[in-house]
Amino acid sequence: MNLKSKHKVQATFSMSSMTDVIFLLLIFFMLTASFITPSGLPVNLPSSQSSEIVMQKISVTITKDLQYFVNNQKTSRGSVEALLRTNLGGNEGIVVLHCDASVPVSRLVEIAGIATNLKAKVSIATKPQ
């Protein structure tokens, strides 16, 4: 009596489709991870109802002890305009202001005015509520 089946099941698995999926996921995460550039300086951001993520080109940070940083480079209050001008390079760009909640509004408006005079769009970084 011959009880063996004519159709033998192959116990192999093709990994080519799995590597394609993993490669596509790797590309997706690499591209989306570069959209957010965190500020490396400890600043207590104010909160707002709608916190929208903006692709930033230039970051200006004002700490609670009124120290100024342009792209994490410490600078004086008077040289902020020159650094913004060189970083923008005459092009329209986006300047994201990272200001501590205790910083006077006049300092924030001053930096926003400098960026606006250089034809840059100004965005204020906040944390979601």
Protein backbone atom coordinates (compact mmCIF):
# COMPACT_ATOMS: atom_id res chain seq x y z
CA MET A 1 0.00 0.00 0.00
CA ASN A 2 1.46 3.35 -1.13
CA LEU A 3 0.18 6.23 1.08
CA LYS A 4 2.61 8.95 -0.05
CA SER A 5 1.15 12.07 -1.60
CA LYS A 6 1.99 13.06 -5.16
CA HIS A 7 2.19 16.75 -4.23
CA LYS A 8 5.16 17.45 -2.02
CA VAL A 9 5.08 20.73 0.02
CA GLN A 10 8.18 22.90 -0.29
CA ALA A 11 9.41 24.15 3.07
CA THR A 12 11.31 27.17 1.67
CA PHE A 13 10.44 30.84 2.08
CA SER A 14 11.42 33.64 -0.29
CA MET A 15 12.95 36.58 1.60
CA SER A 16 13.14 38.93 -1.40
CA SER A 17 9.76 40.56 -0.76
CA MET A 18 10.55 40.99 2.94
CA THR A 19 13.79 42.83 2.21
CA ASP A 20 11.93 45.15 -0.19
CA VAL A 21 9.44 46.06 2.52
CA ILE A 22 12.16 46.67 5.11
CA PHE A 23 14.12 48.81 2.64
CA LEU A 24 11.05 50.95 1.91
CA LEU A 25 10.36 51.40 5.63
CA LEU A 26 13.98 52.41 6.19
CA ILE A 27 13.75 55.07 3.46
CA PHE A 28 10.44 56.36 4.87
CA PHE A 29 11.83 56.78 8.39
CA MET A 30 15.04 58.38 7.15
CA LEU A 31 13.09 60.98 5.19
CA THR A 32 10.56 61.81 7.89
CA ALA A 33 13.16 62.00 10.66
CA SER A 34 14.96 64.89 8.97
CA PHE A 35 11.88 67.16 8.94
CA ILE A 36 12.13 68.08 12.61
CA THR A 37 15.25 69.82 13.83
CA PRO A 38 15.16 70.04 17.60
CA SER A 39 16.78 72.91 19.39
CA GLY A 40 19.58 71.60 21.56
CA LEU A 41 19.30 74.39 24.11
CA PRO A 42 17.12 74.05 27.22
CA VAL A 43 14.33 76.60 26.77
CA ASN A 44 10.94 76.56 28.50
CA LEU A 45 8.69 77.17 25.47
CA PRO A 46 5.28 78.75 25.91
CA SER A 47 2.28 76.59 25.06
CA SER A 48 -0.40 77.20 22.44
CA GLN A 49 -3.62 75.60 21.23
CA SER A 50 -2.26 74.67 17.81
CA SER A 51 1.38 73.69 17.60
CA GLU A 52 2.32 73.20 13.97
CA ILE A 53 5.62 71.68 12.91
CA VAL A 54 7.52 73.99 10.58
CA MET A 55 10.56 73.03 8.55
CA GLN A 56 13.08 75.39 9.96
CA LYS A 57 16.03 76.84 8.20
CA ILE A 58 17.43 79.10 10.89
CA SER A 59 16.86 78.79 14.62
CA VAL A 60 17.15 81.77 16.97
CA THR A 61 17.04 80.92 20.67
CA ILE A 62 16.69 83.37 23.55
CA THR A 63 17.25 81.79 26.96
CA LYS A 64 15.76 82.96 30.26
CA ASP A 65 18.99 84.80 31.14
CA LEU A 66 18.73 86.67 27.79
CA GLN A 67 21.53 84.89 25.95
CA TYR A 68 21.15 84.75 22.16
CA PHE A 69 21.93 81.73 19.98
CA VAL A 70 21.68 81.51 16.20
CA ASN A 71 21.67 77.86 15.07
CA ASN A 72 23.07 76.84 18.50
CA GLN A 73 25.98 79.32 18.12
CA LYS A 74 26.18 81.79 21.00
CA THR A 75 26.16 85.40 19.86
CA SER A 76 25.57 88.87 21.21
CA ARG A 77 22.35 90.83 20.80
CA GLY A 78 23.95 93.25 18.34
CA SER A 79 25.35 90.60 16.00
CA VAL A 80 22.11 88.64 15.53
CA GLU A 81 21.21 90.63 12.41
CA ALA A 82 24.58 89.99 10.76
CA LEU A 83 24.37 86.26 11.46
CA LEU A 84 20.81 86.08 10.13
CA ARG A 85 21.86 87.96 6.99
CA THR A 86 24.73 85.54 6.30
CA ASN A 87 22.64 82.43 7.06
CA LEU A 88 19.79 83.59 4.85
CA GLY A 89 22.17 84.54 2.06
CA GLY A 90 19.75 87.08 0.55
CA ASN A 91 17.08 84.41 0.01
CA GLU A 92 13.69 84.23 1.62
CA GLY A 93 13.78 81.71 4.42
CA ILE A 94 12.13 80.65 7.64
CA VAL A 95 13.39 81.82 11.02
CA VAL A 96 12.06 79.85 13.99
CA LEU A 97 12.20 81.70 17.33
CA HIS A 98 12.75 79.53 20.40
CA CYS A 99 12.12 81.94 23.28
CA ASP A 100 11.82 81.07 26.94
CA ALA A 101 8.42 81.89 28.44
CA SER A 102 10.03 84.40 30.82
CA VAL A 103 11.69 86.45 28.04
CA PRO A 104 10.12 89.92 27.62
CA VAL A 105 7.98 90.27 24.52
CA SER A 106 10.02 93.28 23.39
CA ARG A 107 13.05 91.01 22.80
CA LEU A 108 10.92 88.59 20.79
CA VAL A 109 9.46 91.42 18.67
CA GLU A 110 12.93 92.89 18.10
CA ILE A 111 14.30 89.64 16.65
CA ALA A 112 11.10 89.07 14.64
CA GLY A 113 11.46 92.58 13.19
CA ILE A 114 15.05 91.93 12.19
CA ALA A 115 14.05 88.71 10.43
CA THR A 116 11.10 90.39 8.70
CA ASN A 117 13.35 93.19 7.42
CA LEU A 118 15.56 90.49 5.89
CA LYS A 119 12.46 89.14 4.05
CA ALA A 120 12.27 85.96 6.14
CA LYS A 121 9.14 84.32 7.43
CA VAL A 122 9.02 84.20 11.22
CA SER A 123 7.58 81.36 13.26
CA ILE A 124 7.46 81.07 17.05
CA ALA A 125 8.18 77.65 18.50
CA THR A 126 5.69 76.47 21.11
CA LYS A 127 4.97 73.25 22.92
CA PRO A 128 1.52 71.65 22.62
CA GLN A 129 -0.81 71.86 25.62
